Amino acid sequence: LQMNSLKPEDTALYYCSSLYVKRYWGQ
């Protein structure tokens, strides 16, 4: 995920995820 022109409102915990039989999440 290339993020440009970042704003303070982009502050967050970002997760990678995929639906493969069930939904999986990174940490």
mmCIF file of all heavy atoms, coordinates in Angstrom:
data_MODEL
# 
_entry.id   MODEL 
# 
loop_
_atom_site.group_PDB 
_atom_site.id 
_atom_site.type_symbol 
_atom_site.label_atom_id 
_atom_site.label_alt_id 
_atom_site.label_comp_id 
_atom_site.label_asym_id 
_atom_site.label_entity_id 
_atom_site.label_seq_id 
_atom_site.pdbx_PDB_ins_code 
_atom_site.Cartn_x 
_atom_site.Cartn_y 
_atom_site.Cartn_z 
_atom_site.occupancy 
_atom_site.B_iso_or_equiv 
_atom_site.pdbx_formal_charge 
_atom_site.auth_seq_id 
_atom_site.auth_comp_id 
_atom_site.auth_asym_id 
_atom_site.auth_atom_id 
_atom_site.pdbx_PDB_model_num 
ATOM 1   N N   . LEU A 1 1  ? 0.873   -1.175  0.000  1.00 0.00 ? 1  LEU A N   1 
ATOM 2   C CA  . LEU A 1 1  ? 0.000   0.000   0.000  1.00 0.00 ? 1  LEU A CA  1 
ATOM 3   C C   . LEU A 1 1  ? 0.906   1.219   0.000  1.00 0.00 ? 1  LEU A C   1 
ATOM 4   O O   . LEU A 1 1  ? 1.540   1.533   1.016  1.00 0.00 ? 1  LEU A O   1 
ATOM 5   C CB  . LEU A 1 1  ? -0.932  0.018   1.208  1.00 0.00 ? 1  LEU A CB  1 
ATOM 6   C CG  . LEU A 1 1  ? -1.966  1.144   1.207  1.00 0.00 ? 1  LEU A CG  1 
ATOM 7   C CD1 . LEU A 1 1  ? -2.971  0.948   0.074  1.00 0.00 ? 1  LEU A CD1 1 
ATOM 8   C CD2 . LEU A 1 1  ? -2.692  1.241   2.545  1.00 0.00 ? 1  LEU A CD2 1 
ATOM 9   N N   . GLN A 1 2  ? 1.005   1.868   -1.150 1.00 0.00 ? 2  GLN A N   1 
ATOM 10  C CA  . GLN A 1 2  ? 1.772   3.109   -1.255 1.00 0.00 ? 2  GLN A CA  1 
ATOM 11  C C   . GLN A 1 2  ? 0.851   4.252   -0.865 1.00 0.00 ? 2  GLN A C   1 
ATOM 12  O O   . GLN A 1 2  ? -0.206  4.441   -1.474 1.00 0.00 ? 2  GLN A O   1 
ATOM 13  C CB  . GLN A 1 2  ? 2.273   3.302   -2.688 1.00 0.00 ? 2  GLN A CB  1 
ATOM 14  C CG  . GLN A 1 2  ? 3.030   4.595   -2.901 1.00 0.00 ? 2  GLN A CG  1 
ATOM 15  C CD  . GLN A 1 2  ? 4.338   4.646   -2.146 1.00 0.00 ? 2  GLN A CD  1 
ATOM 16  O OE1 . GLN A 1 2  ? 5.100   3.685   -2.147 1.00 0.00 ? 2  GLN A OE1 1 
ATOM 17  N NE2 . GLN A 1 2  ? 4.609   5.781   -1.496 1.00 0.00 ? 2  GLN A NE2 1 
ATOM 18  N N   . MET A 1 3  ? 1.267   4.995   0.140  1.00 0.00 ? 3  MET A N   1 
ATOM 19  C CA  . MET A 1 3  ? 0.455   6.097   0.654  1.00 0.00 ? 3  MET A CA  1 
ATOM 20  C C   . MET A 1 3  ? 1.200   7.399   0.436  1.00 0.00 ? 3  MET A C   1 
ATOM 21  O O   . MET A 1 3  ? 2.315   7.570   0.936  1.00 0.00 ? 3  MET A O   1 
ATOM 22  C CB  . MET A 1 3  ? 0.157   5.880   2.143  1.00 0.00 ? 3  MET A CB  1 
ATOM 23  C CG  . MET A 1 3  ? -0.461  4.528   2.446  1.00 0.00 ? 3  MET A CG  1 
ATOM 24  S SD  . MET A 1 3  ? -0.915  4.324   4.175  1.00 0.00 ? 3  MET A SD  1 
ATOM 25  C CE  . MET A 1 3  ? 0.706   4.327   4.930  1.00 0.00 ? 3  MET A CE  1 
ATOM 26  N N   . ASN A 1 4  ? 0.630   8.286   -0.320 1.00 0.00 ? 4  ASN A N   1 
ATOM 27  C CA  . ASN A 1 4  ? 1.212   9.593   -0.602 1.00 0.00 ? 4  ASN A CA  1 
ATOM 28  C C   . ASN A 1 4  ? 0.318   10.698  -0.044 1.00 0.00 ? 4  ASN A C   1 
ATOM 29  O O   . ASN A 1 4  ? -0.858  10.473  0.253  1.00 0.00 ? 4  ASN A O   1 
ATOM 30  C CB  . ASN A 1 4  ? 1.394   9.776   -2.111 1.00 0.00 ? 4  ASN A CB  1 
ATOM 31  C CG  . ASN A 1 4  ? 2.367   8.780   -2.704 1.00 0.00 ? 4  ASN A CG  1 
ATOM 32  O OD1 . ASN A 1 4  ? 3.334   8.367   -2.066 1.00 0.00 ? 4  ASN A OD1 1 
ATOM 33  N ND2 . ASN A 1 4  ? 2.117   8.393   -3.943 1.00 0.00 ? 4  ASN A ND2 1 
ATOM 34  N N   . SER A 1 5  ? 0.895   11.872  0.074  1.00 0.00 ? 5  SER A N   1 
ATOM 35  C CA  . SER A 1 5  ? 0.143   13.041  0.565  1.00 0.00 ? 5  SER A CA  1 
ATOM 36  C C   . SER A 1 5  ? -0.623  12.696  1.842  1.00 0.00 ? 5  SER A C   1 
ATOM 37  O O   . SER A 1 5  ? -1.817  12.992  1.970  1.00 0.00 ? 5  SER A O   1 
ATOM 38  C CB  . SER A 1 5  ? -0.828  13.530  -0.513 1.00 0.00 ? 5  SER A CB  1 
ATOM 39  O OG  . SER A 1 5  ? -0.145  13.845  -1.703 1.00 0.00 ? 5  SER A OG  1 
ATOM 40  N N   . LEU A 1 6  ? 0.091   12.109  2.772  1.00 0.00 ? 6  LEU A N   1 
ATOM 41  C CA  . LEU A 1 6  ? -0.566  11.658  3.998  1.00 0.00 ? 6  LEU A CA  1 
ATOM 42  C C   . LEU A 1 6  ? -1.102  12.825  4.818  1.00 0.00 ? 6  LEU A C   1 
ATOM 43  O O   . LEU A 1 6  ? -0.521  13.917  4.843  1.00 0.00 ? 6  LEU A O   1 
ATOM 44  C CB  . LEU A 1 6  ? 0.400   10.827  4.833  1.00 0.00 ? 6  LEU A CB  1 
ATOM 45  C CG  . LEU A 1 6  ? 0.559   9.380   4.338  1.00 0.00 ? 6  LEU A CG  1 
ATOM 46  C CD1 . LEU A 1 6  ? 1.824   8.751   4.897  1.00 0.00 ? 6  LEU A CD1 1 
ATOM 47  C CD2 . LEU A 1 6  ? -0.668  8.554   4.723  1.00 0.00 ? 6  LEU A CD2 1 
ATOM 48  N N   . LYS A 1 7  ? -2.223  12.565  5.475  1.00 0.00 ? 7  LYS A N   1 
ATOM 49  C CA  . LYS A 1 7  ? -2.886  13.563  6.307  1.00 0.00 ? 7  LYS A CA  1 
ATOM 50  C C   . LYS A 1 7  ? -2.974  13.044  7.742  1.00 0.00 ? 7  LYS A C   1 
ATOM 51  O O   . LYS A 1 7  ? -2.967  11.825  7.954  1.00 0.00 ? 7  LYS A O   1 
ATOM 52  C CB  . LYS A 1 7  ? -4.308  13.800  5.786  1.00 0.00 ? 7  LYS A CB  1 
ATOM 53  C CG  . LYS A 1 7  ? -4.393  14.205  4.326  1.00 0.00 ? 7  LYS A CG  1 
ATOM 54  C CD  . LYS A 1 7  ? -5.844  14.308  3.874  1.00 0.00 ? 7  LYS A CD  1 
ATOM 55  C CE  . LYS A 1 7  ? -5.934  14.685  2.410  1.00 0.00 ? 7  LYS A CE  1 
ATOM 56  N NZ  . LYS A 1 7  ? -7.356  14.772  1.956  1.00 0.00 ? 7  LYS A NZ  1 
ATOM 57  N N   . PRO A 1 8  ? -3.073  13.942  8.712  1.00 0.00 ? 8  PRO A N   1 
ATOM 58  C CA  . PRO A 1 8  ? -3.217  13.481  10.102 1.00 0.00 ? 8  PRO A CA  1 
ATOM 59  C C   . PRO A 1 8  ? -4.392  12.508  10.279 1.00 0.00 ? 8  PRO A C   1 
ATOM 60  O O   . PRO A 1 8  ? -4.301  11.593  11.101 1.00 0.00 ? 8  PRO A O   1 
ATOM 61  C CB  . PRO A 1 8  ? -3.444  14.778  10.870 1.00 0.00 ? 8  PRO A CB  1 
ATOM 62  C CG  . PRO A 1 8  ? -2.709  15.810  10.072 1.00 0.00 ? 8  PRO A CG  1 
ATOM 63  C CD  . PRO A 1 8  ? -2.921  15.400  8.645  1.00 0.00 ? 8  PRO A CD  1 
ATOM 64  N N   . GLU A 1 9  ? -5.450  12.687  9.515  1.00 0.00 ? 9  GLU A N   1 
ATOM 65  C CA  . GLU A 1 9  ? -6.604  11.790  9.641  1.00 0.00 ? 9  GLU A CA  1 
ATOM 66  C C   . GLU A 1 9  ? -6.347  10.391  9.082  1.00 0.00 ? 9  GLU A C   1 
ATOM 67  O O   . GLU A 1 9  ? -7.184  9.506   9.222  1.00 0.00 ? 9  GLU A O   1 
ATOM 68  C CB  . GLU A 1 9  ? -7.849  12.396  8.982  1.00 0.00 ? 9  GLU A CB  1 
ATOM 69  C CG  . GLU A 1 9  ? -7.641  12.878  7.565  1.00 0.00 ? 9  GLU A CG  1 
ATOM 70  C CD  . GLU A 1 9  ? -7.356  14.369  7.501  1.00 0.00 ? 9  GLU A CD  1 
ATOM 71  O OE1 . GLU A 1 9  ? -6.562  14.880  8.324  1.00 0.00 ? 9  GLU A OE1 1 
ATOM 72  O OE2 . GLU A 1 9  ? -7.935  15.029  6.585  1.00 0.00 ? 9  GLU A OE2 1 
ATOM 73  N N   . ASP A 1 10 ? -5.174  10.186  8.458  1.00 0.00 ? 10 ASP A N   1 
ATOM 74  C CA  . ASP A 1 10 ? -4.794  8.842   8.022  1.00 0.00 ? 10 ASP A CA  1 
ATOM 75  C C   . ASP A 1 10 ? -4.165  8.040   9.164  1.00 0.00 ? 10 ASP A C   1 
ATOM 76  O O   . ASP A 1 10 ? -3.880  6.841   9.002  1.00 0.00 ? 10 ASP A O   1 
ATOM 77  C CB  . ASP A 1 10 ? -3.807  8.911   6.853  1.00 0.00 ? 10 ASP A CB  1 
ATOM 78  C CG  . ASP A 1 10 ? -4.422  9.500   5.599  1.00 0.00 ? 10 ASP A CG  1 
ATOM 79  O OD1 . ASP A 1 10 ? -5.572  9.157   5.289  1.00 0.00 ? 10 ASP A OD1 1 
ATOM 80  O OD2 . ASP A 1 10 ? -3.728  10.310  4.943  1.00 0.00 ? 10 ASP A OD2 1 
ATOM 81  N N   . THR A 1 11 ? -3.928  8.691   10.289 1.00 0.00 ? 11 THR A N   1 
ATOM 82  C CA  . THR A 1 11 ? -3.350  8.001   11.444 1.00 0.00 ? 11 THR A CA  1 
ATOM 83  C C   . THR A 1 11 ? -4.256  6.865   11.893 1.00 0.00 ? 11 THR A C   1 
ATOM 84  O O   . THR A 1 11 ? -5.440  7.066   12.151 1.00 0.00 ? 11 THR A O   1 
ATOM 85  C CB  . THR A 1 11 ? -3.142  9.001   12.598 1.00 0.00 ? 11 THR A CB  1 
ATOM 86  O OG1 . THR A 1 11 ? -2.155  9.957   12.210 1.00 0.00 ? 11 THR A OG1 1 
ATOM 87  C CG2 . THR A 1 11 ? -2.689  8.280   13.866 1.00 0.00 ? 11 THR A CG2 1 
ATOM 88  N N   . ALA A 1 12 ? -3.687  5.663   11.940 1.00 0.00 ? 12 ALA A N   1 
ATOM 89  C CA  . ALA A 1 12 ? -4.477  4.479   12.291 1.00 0.00 ? 12 ALA A CA  1 
ATOM 90  C C   . ALA A 1 12 ? -3.571  3.255   12.344 1.00 0.00 ? 12 ALA A C   1 
ATOM 91  O O   . ALA A 1 12 ? -2.409  3.317   11.931 1.00 0.00 ? 12 ALA A O   1 
ATOM 92  C CB  . ALA A 1 12 ? -5.582  4.241   11.257 1.00 0.00 ? 12 ALA A CB  1 
ATOM 93  N N   . LEU A 1 13 ? -4.137  2.180   12.827 1.00 0.00 ? 13 LEU A N   1 
ATOM 94  C CA  . LEU A 1 13 ? -3.490  0.875   12.738 1.00 0.00 ? 13 LEU A CA  1 
ATOM 95  C C   . LEU A 1 13 ? -3.969  0.245   11.432 1.00 0.00 ? 13 LEU A C   1 
ATOM 96  O O   . LEU A 1 13 ? -5.179  0.130   11.211 1.00 0.00 ? 13 LEU A O   1 
ATOM 97  C CB  . LEU A 1 13 ? -3.876  0.016   13.934 1.00 0.00 ? 13 LEU A CB  1 
ATOM 98  C CG  . LEU A 1 13 ? -3.126  -1.295  14.153 1.00 0.00 ? 13 LEU A CG  1 
ATOM 99  C CD1 . LEU A 1 13 ? -1.626  -1.056  14.295 1.00 0.00 ? 13 LEU A CD1 1 
ATOM 100 C CD2 . LEU A 1 13 ? -3.656  -1.980  15.411 1.00 0.00 ? 13 LEU A CD2 1 
ATOM 101 N N   . TYR A 1 14 ? -3.034  -0.091  10.566 1.00 0.00 ? 14 TYR A N   1 
ATOM 102 C CA  . TYR A 1 14 ? -3.360  -0.612  9.244  1.00 0.00 ? 14 TYR A CA  1 
ATOM 103 C C   . TYR A 1 14 ? -3.191  -2.142  9.225  1.00 0.00 ? 14 TYR A C   1 
ATOM 104 O O   . TYR A 1 14 ? -2.150  -2.656  9.664  1.00 0.00 ? 14 TYR A O   1 
ATOM 105 C CB  . TYR A 1 14 ? -2.463  0.029   8.178  1.00 0.00 ? 14 TYR A CB  1 
ATOM 106 C CG  . TYR A 1 14 ? -2.885  1.429   7.837  1.00 0.00 ? 14 TYR A CG  1 
ATOM 107 C CD1 . TYR A 1 14 ? -2.692  2.472   8.728  1.00 0.00 ? 14 TYR A CD1 1 
ATOM 108 C CD2 . TYR A 1 14 ? -3.495  1.714   6.611  1.00 0.00 ? 14 TYR A CD2 1 
ATOM 109 C CE1 . TYR A 1 14 ? -3.094  3.772   8.432  1.00 0.00 ? 14 TYR A CE1 1 
ATOM 110 C CE2 . TYR A 1 14 ? -3.898  3.005   6.293  1.00 0.00 ? 14 TYR A CE2 1 
ATOM 111 C CZ  . TYR A 1 14 ? -3.698  4.026   7.199  1.00 0.00 ? 14 TYR A CZ  1 
ATOM 112 O OH  . TYR A 1 14 ? -4.097  5.304   6.894  1.00 0.00 ? 14 TYR A OH  1 
ATOM 113 N N   . TYR A 1 15 ? -4.213  -2.807  8.702  1.00 0.00 ? 15 TYR A N   1 
ATOM 114 C CA  . TYR A 1 15 ? -4.236  -4.261  8.657  1.00 0.00 ? 15 TYR A CA  1 
ATOM 115 C C   . TYR A 1 15 ? -4.316  -4.773  7.231  1.00 0.00 ? 15 TYR A C   1 
ATOM 116 O O   . TYR A 1 15 ? -5.069  -4.242  6.410  1.00 0.00 ? 15 TYR A O   1 
ATOM 117 C CB  . TYR A 1 15 ? -5.464  -4.809  9.395  1.00 0.00 ? 15 TYR A CB  1 
ATOM 118 C CG  . TYR A 1 15 ? -5.539  -4.513  10.858 1.00 0.00 ? 15 TYR A CG  1 
ATOM 119 C CD1 . TYR A 1 15 ? -6.191  -3.379  11.332 1.00 0.00 ? 15 TYR A CD1 1 
ATOM 120 C CD2 . TYR A 1 15 ? -4.965  -5.376  11.794 1.00 0.00 ? 15 TYR A CD2 1 
ATOM 121 C CE1 . TYR A 1 15 ? -6.285  -3.117  12.684 1.00 0.00 ? 15 TYR A CE1 1 
ATOM 122 C CE2 . TYR A 1 15 ? -5.055  -5.126  13.153 1.00 0.00 ? 15 TYR A CE2 1 
ATOM 123 C CZ  . TYR A 1 15 ? -5.712  -3.992  13.591 1.00 0.00 ? 15 TYR A CZ  1 
ATOM 124 O OH  . TYR A 1 15 ? -5.792  -3.734  14.933 1.00 0.00 ? 15 TYR A OH  1 
ATOM 125 N N   . CYS A 1 16 ? -3.587  -5.827  6.970  1.00 0.00 ? 16 CYS A N   1 
ATOM 126 C CA  . CYS A 1 16 ? -3.728  -6.579  5.745  1.00 0.00 ? 16 CYS A CA  1 
ATOM 127 C C   . CYS A 1 16 ? -4.736  -7.692  6.014  1.00 0.00 ? 16 CYS A C   1 
ATOM 128 O O   . CYS A 1 16 ? -4.753  -8.266  7.113  1.00 0.00 ? 16 CYS A O   1 
ATOM 129 C CB  . CYS A 1 16 ? -2.371  -7.160  5.359  1.00 0.00 ? 16 CYS A CB  1 
ATOM 130 S SG  . CYS A 1 16 ? -2.355  -8.155  3.880  1.00 0.00 ? 16 CYS A SG  1 
ATOM 131 N N   . SER A 1 17 ? -5.563  -8.012  5.008  1.00 0.00 ? 17 SER A N   1 
ATOM 132 C CA  . SER A 1 17 ? -6.610  -9.006  5.230  1.00 0.00 ? 17 SER A CA  1 
ATOM 133 C C   . SER A 1 17 ? -6.949  -9.713  3.937  1.00 0.00 ? 17 SER A C   1 
ATOM 134 O O   . SER A 1 17 ? -6.788  -9.153  2.843  1.00 0.00 ? 17 SER A O   1 
ATOM 135 C CB  . SER A 1 17 ? -7.856  -8.323  5.799  1.00 0.00 ? 17 SER A CB  1 
ATOM 136 O OG  . SER A 1 17 ? -8.890  -9.253  6.027  1.00 0.00 ? 17 SER A OG  1 
ATOM 137 N N   . SER A 1 18 ? -7.442  -10.934 4.069  1.00 0.00 ? 18 SER A N   1 
ATOM 138 C CA  . SER A 1 18 ? -7.911  -11.679 2.911  1.00 0.00 ? 18 SER A CA  1 
ATOM 139 C C   . SER A 1 18 ? -9.003  -12.651 3.333  1.00 0.00 ? 18 SER A C   1 
ATOM 140 O O   . SER A 1 18 ? -8.958  -13.211 4.430  1.00 0.00 ? 18 SER A O   1 
ATOM 141 C CB  . SER A 1 18 ? -6.763  -12.439 2.249  1.00 0.00 ? 18 SER A CB  1 
ATOM 142 O OG  . SER A 1 18 ? -7.192  -13.046 1.049  1.00 0.00 ? 18 SER A OG  1 
ATOM 143 N N   . LEU A 1 19 ? -9.963  -12.806 2.442  1.00 0.00 ? 19 LEU A N   1 
ATOM 144 C CA  . LEU A 1 19 ? -11.048 -13.760 2.668  1.00 0.00 ? 19 LEU A CA  1 
ATOM 145 C C   . LEU A 1 19 ? -10.728 -15.042 1.907  1.00 0.00 ? 19 LEU A C   1 
ATOM 146 O O   . LEU A 1 19 ? -10.750 -15.056 0.676  1.00 0.00 ? 19 LEU A O   1 
ATOM 147 C CB  . LEU A 1 19 ? -12.381 -13.167 2.203  1.00 0.00 ? 19 LEU A CB  1 
ATOM 148 C CG  . LEU A 1 19 ? -13.612 -14.046 2.430  1.00 0.00 ? 19 LEU A CG  1 
ATOM 149 C CD1 . LEU A 1 19 ? -13.818 -14.298 3.915  1.00 0.00 ? 19 LEU A CD1 1 
ATOM 150 C CD2 . LEU A 1 19 ? -14.855 -13.387 1.834  1.00 0.00 ? 19 LEU A CD2 1 
ATOM 151 N N   . TYR A 1 20 ? -10.384 -16.072 2.655  1.00 0.00 ? 20 TYR A N   1 
ATOM 152 C CA  . TYR A 1 20 ? -10.012 -17.363 2.061  1.00 0.00 ? 20 TYR A CA  1 
ATOM 153 C C   . TYR A 1 20 ? -10.621 -18.438 2.957  1.00 0.00 ? 20 TYR A C   1 
ATOM 154 O O   . TYR A 1 20 ? -10.040 -18.817 3.957  1.00 0.00 ? 20 TYR A O   1 
ATOM 155 C CB  . TYR A 1 20 ? -8.487  -17.482 1.984  1.00 0.00 ? 20 TYR A CB  1 
ATOM 156 C CG  . TYR A 1 20 ? -7.982  -18.801 1.470  1.00 0.00 ? 20 TYR A CG  1 
ATOM 157 C CD1 . TYR A 1 20 ? -8.197  -19.177 0.156  1.00 0.00 ? 20 TYR A CD1 1 
ATOM 158 C CD2 . TYR A 1 20 ? -7.284  -19.671 2.299  1.00 0.00 ? 20 TYR A CD2 1 
ATOM 159 C CE1 . TYR A 1 20 ? -7.734  -20.390 -0.321 1.00 0.00 ? 20 TYR A CE1 1 
ATOM 160 C CE2 . TYR A 1 20 ? -6.814  -20.875 1.829  1.00 0.00 ? 20 TYR A CE2 1 
ATOM 161 C CZ  . TYR A 1 20 ? -7.043  -21.235 0.516  1.00 0.00 ? 20 TYR A CZ  1 
ATOM 162 O OH  . TYR A 1 20 ? -6.583  -22.436 0.045  1.00 0.00 ? 20 TYR A OH  1 
ATOM 163 N N   . VAL A 1 21 ? -11.803 -18.872 2.617  1.00 0.00 ? 21 VAL A N   1 
ATOM 164 C CA  . VAL A 1 21 ? -12.638 -19.733 3.468  1.00 0.00 ? 21 VAL A CA  1 
ATOM 165 C C   . VAL A 1 21 ? -13.151 -18.907 4.653  1.00 0.00 ? 21 VAL A C   1 
ATOM 166 O O   . VAL A 1 21 ? -14.345 -18.853 4.913  1.00 0.00 ? 21 VAL A O   1 
ATOM 167 C CB  . VAL A 1 21 ? -11.908 -20.999 3.963  1.00 0.00 ? 21 VAL A CB  1 
ATOM 168 C CG1 . VAL A 1 21 ? -12.869 -21.842 4.804  1.00 0.00 ? 21 VAL A CG1 1 
ATOM 169 C CG2 . VAL A 1 21 ? -11.364 -21.783 2.791  1.00 0.00 ? 21 VAL A CG2 1 
ATOM 170 N N   . LYS A 1 22 ? -12.254 -18.290 5.351  1.00 0.00 ? 22 LYS A N   1 
ATOM 171 C CA  . LYS A 1 22 ? -12.650 -17.329 6.377  1.00 0.00 ? 22 LYS A CA  1 
ATOM 172 C C   . LYS A 1 22 ? -11.769 -16.105 6.216  1.00 0.00 ? 22 LYS A C   1 
ATOM 173 O O   . LYS A 1 22 ? -10.813 -16.106 5.455  1.00 0.00 ? 22 LYS A O   1 
ATOM 174 C CB  . LYS A 1 22 ? -12.493 -17.929 7.769  1.00 0.00 ? 22 LYS A CB  1 
ATOM 175 C CG  . LYS A 1 22 ? -11.054 -18.183 8.190  1.00 0.00 ? 22 LYS A CG  1 
ATOM 176 C CD  . LYS A 1 22 ? -10.980 -18.618 9.638  1.00 0.00 ? 22 LYS A CD  1 
ATOM 177 C CE  . LYS A 1 22 ? -9.547  -18.675 10.121 1.00 0.00 ? 22 LYS A CE  1 
ATOM 178 N NZ  . LYS A 1 22 ? -9.439  -19.034 11.558 1.00 0.00 ? 22 LYS A NZ  1 
ATOM 179 N N   . ARG A 1 23 ? -12.098 -15.038 6.978  1.00 0.00 ? 23 ARG A N   1 
ATOM 180 C CA  . ARG A 1 23 ? -11.293 -13.821 6.842  1.00 0.00 ? 23 ARG A CA  1 
ATOM 181 C C   . ARG A 1 23 ? -10.073 -13.905 7.761  1.00 0.00 ? 23 ARG A C   1 
ATOM 182 O O   . ARG A 1 23 ? -10.194 -14.180 8.954  1.00 0.00 ? 23 ARG A O   1 
ATOM 183 C CB  . ARG A 1 23 ? -12.117 -12.575 7.162  1.00 0.00 ? 23 ARG A CB  1 
ATOM 184 C CG  . ARG A 1 23 ? -11.294 -11.291 6.994  1.00 0.00 ? 23 ARG A CG  1 
ATOM 185 C CD  . ARG A 1 23 ? -12.116 -10.066 6.755  1.00 0.00 ? 23 ARG A CD  1 
ATOM 186 N NE  . ARG A 1 23 ? -12.754 -10.044 5.449  1.00 0.00 ? 23 ARG A NE  1 
ATOM 187 C CZ  . ARG A 1 23 ? -12.156 -9.675  4.325  1.00 0.00 ? 23 ARG A CZ  1 
ATOM 188 N NH1 . ARG A 1 23 ? -10.893 -9.311  4.329  1.00 0.00 ? 23 ARG A NH1 1 
ATOM 189 N NH2 . ARG A 1 23 ? -12.830 -9.669  3.183  1.00 0.00 ? 23 ARG A NH2 1 
ATOM 190 N N   . TYR A 1 24 ? -8.941  -13.646 7.170  1.00 0.00 ? 24 TYR A N   1 
ATOM 191 C CA  . TYR A 1 24 ? -7.688  -13.630 7.903  1.00 0.00 ? 24 TYR A CA  1 
ATOM 192 C C   . TYR A 1 24 ? -7.179  -12.212 8.043  1.00 0.00 ? 24 TYR A C   1 
ATOM 193 O O   . TYR A 1 24 ? -7.373  -11.371 7.158  1.00 0.00 ? 24 TYR A O   1 
ATOM 194 C CB  . TYR A 1 24 ? -6.635  -14.478 7.174  1.00 0.00 ? 24 TYR A CB  1 
ATOM 195 C CG  . TYR A 1 24 ? -6.922  -15.958 7.238  1.00 0.00 ? 24 TYR A CG  1 
ATOM 196 C CD1 . TYR A 1 24 ? -7.665  -16.584 6.234  1.00 0.00 ? 24 TYR A CD1 1 
ATOM 197 C CD2 . TYR A 1 24 ? -6.453  -16.735 8.293  1.00 0.00 ? 24 TYR A CD2 1 
ATOM 198 C CE1 . TYR A 1 24 ? -7.933  -17.944 6.297  1.00 0.00 ? 24 TYR A CE1 1 
ATOM 199 C CE2 . TYR A 1 24 ? -6.718  -18.093 8.353  1.00 0.00 ? 24 TYR A CE2 1 
ATOM 200 C CZ  . TYR A 1 24 ? -7.465  -18.688 7.351  1.00 0.00 ? 24 TYR A CZ  1 
ATOM 201 O OH  . TYR A 1 24 ? -7.737  -20.032 7.419  1.00 0.00 ? 24 TYR A OH  1 
ATOM 202 N N   . TRP A 1 25 ? -6.493  -11.953 9.159  1.00 0.00 ? 25 TRP A N   1 
ATOM 203 C CA  . TRP A 1 25 ? -5.959  -10.629 9.470  1.00 0.00 ? 25 TRP A CA  1 
ATOM 204 C C   . TRP A 1 25 ? -4.498  -10.746 9.873  1.00 0.00 ? 25 TRP A C   1 
ATOM 205 O O   . TRP A 1 25 ? -4.097  -11.703 10.530 1.00 0.00 ? 25 TRP A O   1 
ATOM 206 C CB  . TRP A 1 25 ? -6.727  -10.002 10.633 1.00 0.00 ? 25 TRP A CB  1 
ATOM 207 C CG  . TRP A 1 25 ? -8.185  -9.796  10.373 1.00 0.00 ? 25 TRP A CG  1 
ATOM 208 C CD1 . TRP A 1 25 ? -9.197  -10.653 10.686 1.00 0.00 ? 25 TRP A CD1 1 
ATOM 209 C CD2 . TRP A 1 25 ? -8.796  -8.658  9.759  1.00 0.00 ? 25 TRP A CD2 1 
ATOM 210 N NE1 . TRP A 1 25 ? -10.401 -10.121 10.293 1.00 0.00 ? 25 TRP A NE1 1 
ATOM 211 C CE2 . TRP A 1 25 ? -10.189 -8.893  9.728  1.00 0.00 ? 25 TRP A CE2 1 
ATOM 212 C CE3 . TRP A 1 25 ? -8.320  -7.458  9.244  1.00 0.00 ? 25 TRP A CE3 1 
ATOM 213 C CZ2 . TRP A 1 25 ? -11.107 -7.979  9.195  1.00 0.00 ? 25 TRP A CZ2 1 
ATOM 214 C CZ3 . TRP A 1 25 ? -9.226  -6.551  8.718  1.00 0.00 ? 25 TRP A CZ3 1 
ATOM 215 C CH2 . TRP A 1 25 ? -10.598 -6.810  8.690  1.00 0.00 ? 25 TRP A CH2 1 
ATOM 216 N N   . GLY A 1 26 ? -3.750  -9.711  9.517  1.00 0.00 ? 26 GLY A N   1 
ATOM 217 C CA  . GLY A 1 26 ? -2.422  -9.582  10.054 1.00 0.00 ? 26 GLY A CA  1 
ATOM 218 C C   . GLY A 1 26 ? -2.487  -8.933  11.422 1.00 0.00 ? 26 GLY A C   1 
ATOM 219 O O   . GLY A 1 26 ? -3.564  -8.625  11.933 1.00 0.00 ? 26 GLY A O   1 
ATOM 220 N N   . GLN A 1 27 ? -1.307  -8.690  12.002 1.00 0.00 ? 27 GLN A N   1 
ATOM 221 C CA  . GLN A 1 27 ? -1.260  -8.120  13.348 1.00 0.00 ? 27 GLN A CA  1 
ATOM 222 C C   . GLN A 1 27 ? -1.397  -6.606  13.330 1.00 0.00 ? 27 GLN A C   1 
ATOM 223 O O   . GLN A 1 27 ? -1.654  -5.993  14.362 1.00 0.00 ? 27 GLN A O   1 
ATOM 224 C CB  . GLN A 1 27 ? 0.056   -8.524  14.048 1.00 0.00 ? 27 GLN A CB  1 
ATOM 225 C CG  . GLN A 1 27 ? 1.265   -7.675  13.690 1.00 0.00 ? 27 GLN A CG  1 
ATOM 226 C CD  . GLN A 1 27 ? 1.805   -7.938  12.289 1.00 0.00 ? 27 GLN A CD  1 
ATOM 227 O OE1 . GLN A 1 27 ? 1.380   -8.871  11.592 1.00 0.00 ? 27 GLN A OE1 1 
ATOM 228 N NE2 . GLN A 1 27 ? 2.767   -7.134  11.871 1.00 0.00 ? 27 GLN A NE2 1 
# 
